[in-house]
Amino acid sequence: QPCTACNATEYETGACSATTDRQCAACTICGDSQYQTSPCAQAANGDRQCADCTACDYDSQWQKSACLDDADAECKNCTACDAATQWERQSCTENADAVCQSCTTCASDQYRASACSTNADTVCEDCTAKTCAAGTRRLSCTTIADTSCVADGDCLAAGKYCPGVPAFGVFSTTAE
């Protein structure tokens, strides 16, 4: 007599012989937080194999792909922006990596009003054309400070080079 075949949701646990019919068992069903690592096969000892889905650590990772019936979740480490040259335009979230952007470099006719930080780009402002009153010196715009006026007596106290005021052995008679 012919042997009974296992159906599509079963696997063989005992082979068919001259004296016994084929033995079949129901395939294991993976749980909600599991995925299939090996499918159920109708061959001997072919039960479905399941594994627990990987849980991403959302403090330092983001999930590139979710756990599916036949594939584990894929977690990626969050990108860390280079604090010296980049700022974080978008923070790392559960489903997306951080987005880093290069810090803006101010143009030659601008000064840095606010330095690039972890989550904000450099703020550049145009240098101001300024005329200084008598008894003051004009300090030209630099990469980090706008044009300003300083009283002659306060020039060295300001820690800046002032035209026409001796400083560090340098004396300039050229007025700006």
Protein backbone atom coordinates (compact mmCIF):
# COMPACT_ATOMS: atom_id res chain seq x y z
CA GLN A 1 0.00 0.00 0.00
CA PRO A 2 1.30 3.52 -0.79
CA CYS A 3 2.73 5.70 1.99
CA THR A 4 0.86 8.77 3.18
CA ALA A 5 2.51 12.05 2.10
CA CYS A 6 3.09 14.86 4.59
CA ASN A 7 1.11 17.98 3.66
CA ALA A 8 2.67 21.43 3.08
CA THR A 9 2.43 22.43 6.77
CA GLU A 10 4.04 19.21 8.04
CA TYR A 11 7.43 17.51 8.02
CA GLU A 12 8.38 13.84 8.18
CA THR A 13 9.26 12.45 11.62
CA GLY A 14 9.31 8.77 10.63
CA ALA A 15 10.04 7.17 7.28
CA CYS A 16 7.63 4.96 5.45
CA SER A 17 8.58 1.26 5.52
CA ALA A 18 7.09 -2.09 4.55
CA THR A 19 5.44 -2.30 7.96
CA THR A 20 4.71 1.32 8.95
CA ASP A 21 3.24 4.38 7.28
CA ARG A 22 5.17 7.66 7.10
CA GLN A 23 4.91 9.73 10.31
CA CYS A 24 4.33 13.51 10.00
CA ALA A 25 4.26 16.39 12.50
CA ALA A 26 3.05 19.99 12.20
CA CYS A 27 5.72 22.53 11.33
CA THR A 28 6.72 24.91 14.13
CA ILE A 29 5.23 28.40 13.77
CA CYS A 30 7.67 31.20 14.62
CA GLY A 31 6.46 33.65 17.28
CA ASP A 32 5.73 37.35 16.80
CA SER A 33 9.27 38.42 17.79
CA GLN A 34 10.98 35.65 15.80
CA TYR A 35 12.02 34.98 12.23
CA GLN A 36 12.54 31.76 10.27
CA THR A 37 16.17 30.67 9.88
CA SER A 38 15.34 27.40 8.11
CA PRO A 39 12.05 26.57 6.36
CA CYS A 40 9.90 23.57 7.16
CA ALA A 41 10.74 20.79 4.72
CA GLN A 42 8.85 17.62 3.99
CA ALA A 43 12.08 15.60 4.29
CA ALA A 44 13.04 13.78 7.48
CA ASN A 45 13.61 16.01 10.54
CA GLY A 46 12.80 19.09 8.47
CA ASP A 47 11.03 21.19 11.10
CA ARG A 48 11.12 24.96 10.72
CA GLN A 49 13.88 26.67 12.74
CA CYS A 50 13.21 30.04 14.38
CA ALA A 51 15.39 32.65 16.09
CA ASP A 52 14.59 35.73 18.14
CA CYS A 53 14.62 39.03 16.26
CA THR A 54 17.52 41.33 17.06
CA ALA A 55 16.49 44.37 19.10
CA CYS A 56 18.40 47.52 18.15
CA ASP A 57 19.86 49.71 20.92
CA TYR A 58 18.24 53.00 19.93
CA ASP A 59 20.63 54.98 22.14
CA SER A 60 23.45 54.21 19.68
CA GLN A 61 21.85 52.41 16.72
CA TRP A 62 19.15 52.78 14.10
CA GLN A 63 17.14 50.05 12.40
CA LYS A 64 17.99 49.73 8.72
CA SER A 65 15.45 46.95 8.16
CA ALA A 66 12.71 45.44 10.32
CA CYS A 67 12.50 41.81 11.38
CA LEU A 68 10.44 39.91 8.80
CA ASP A 69 9.10 36.35 8.68
CA ASP A 70 12.31 35.11 7.06
CA ALA A 71 14.91 37.77 7.89
CA ASP A 72 16.32 39.28 11.08
CA ALA A 73 16.25 43.02 11.79
CA GLU A 74 19.37 44.87 10.69
CA CYS A 75 20.79 47.42 13.13
CA LYS A 76 23.44 49.98 12.21
CA ASN A 77 25.54 52.15 14.52
CA CYS A 78 24.60 55.83 14.45
CA THR A 79 27.09 58.01 12.59
CA ALA A 80 29.04 60.35 14.85
CA CYS A 81 29.75 63.70 13.19
CA ASP A 82 33.32 65.04 13.38
CA ALA A 83 32.91 67.86 15.93
CA ALA A 84 35.89 69.75 14.51
CA THR A 85 34.51 70.04 10.96
CA GLN A 86 30.84 68.98 10.95
CA TRP A 87 27.50 69.61 12.62
CA GLU A 88 24.54 67.24 12.95
CA ARG A 89 21.81 68.44 10.58
CA GLN A 90 19.57 65.49 11.55
CA SER A 91 19.87 63.38 14.69
CA CYS A 92 19.97 59.59 14.59
CA THR A 93 16.45 58.19 15.07
CA GLU A 94 15.03 54.67 15.33
CA ASN A 95 14.67 54.47 11.52
CA ALA A 96 17.30 56.85 10.13
CA ASP A 97 20.99 57.54 10.60
CA ALA A 98 22.34 60.93 11.63
CA VAL A 99 23.06 63.35 8.80
CA CYS A 100 26.32 65.28 9.14
CA GLN A 101 27.08 68.48 7.24
CA SER A 102 30.36 70.32 6.87
CA CYS A 103 30.69 73.53 8.87
CA THR A 104 30.43 76.68 6.75
CA THR A 105 33.60 78.71 6.29
CA CYS A 106 32.91 82.44 6.29
CA ALA A 107 33.90 84.51 3.25
CA SER A 108 36.82 86.96 3.47
CA ASP A 109 34.44 89.92 3.93
CA GLN A 110 32.62 88.21 6.81
CA TYR A 111 33.31 87.30 10.43
CA ARG A 112 32.15 84.31 12.44
CA ALA A 113 29.28 85.56 14.64
CA SER A 114 28.68 82.07 16.03
CA ALA A 115 30.96 79.05 15.76
CA CYS A 116 29.85 75.73 14.33
CA SER A 117 28.58 73.48 17.13
CA THR A 118 27.22 69.97 17.54
CA ASN A 119 23.80 70.85 16.14
CA ALA A 120 24.18 74.27 14.49
CA ASP A 121 26.20 75.51 11.53
CA THR A 122 28.55 78.49 11.63
CA VAL A 123 26.75 81.84 11.50
CA CYS A 124 28.59 84.34 9.28
CA GLU A 125 27.87 88.07 9.30
CA ASP A 126 29.09 90.71 6.86
CA CYS A 127 31.88 92.95 8.16
CA THR A 128 30.66 96.44 9.02
CA ALA A 129 32.23 99.50 7.40
CA LYS A 130 32.86 101.70 10.41
CA THR A 131 34.29 105.18 10.89
CA CYS A 132 35.78 105.73 14.34
CA ALA A 133 35.61 108.94 16.38
CA ALA A 134 38.67 111.03 17.25
CA GLY A 135 40.80 109.48 20.00
CA THR A 136 39.90 105.93 18.93
CA ARG A 137 41.45 103.38 16.63
CA ARG A 138 39.65 101.23 14.10
CA LEU A 139 40.23 97.50 14.50
CA SER A 140 39.60 95.78 11.19
CA CYS A 141 37.18 92.93 10.83
CA THR A 142 38.82 89.55 11.49
CA THR A 143 37.60 86.00 11.02
CA ILE A 144 36.10 86.06 14.53
CA ALA A 145 35.22 89.71 15.21
CA ASP A 146 33.48 92.56 13.40
CA THR A 147 35.12 95.93 12.81
CA SER A 148 35.29 97.87 16.06
CA CYS A 149 36.63 101.08 17.57
CA VAL A 150 38.89 101.12 20.63
CA ALA A 151 40.07 104.13 22.62
CA ASP A 152 43.79 104.77 22.11
CA GLY A 153 44.50 104.14 25.80
CA ASP A 154 42.57 100.86 25.79
CA CYS A 155 44.11 99.49 22.63
CA LEU A 156 46.74 97.24 24.21
CA ALA A 157 44.41 96.33 27.09
CA ALA A 158 42.02 94.97 24.48
CA GLY A 159 44.72 92.46 23.53
CA LYS A 160 44.65 93.52 19.91
CA TYR A 161 47.09 95.10 17.51
CA CYS A 162 46.13 98.70 16.86
CA PRO A 163 47.65 100.70 14.01
CA GLY A 164 49.88 103.51 15.30
CA VAL A 165 50.16 102.04 18.82
CA PRO A 166 53.36 100.24 19.85
CA ALA A 167 52.76 96.57 20.60
CA PHE A 168 55.16 93.68 20.91
CA GLY A 169 57.98 95.76 19.42
CA VAL A 170 55.93 96.71 16.37
CA PHE A 171 55.01 100.31 15.72
CA SER A 172 52.93 101.38 12.78
CA THR A 173 52.30 104.98 11.80
CA THR A 174 49.83 104.03 9.10
CA ALA A 175 46.30 105.04 10.05
CA GLU A 176 43.34 103.11 8.75
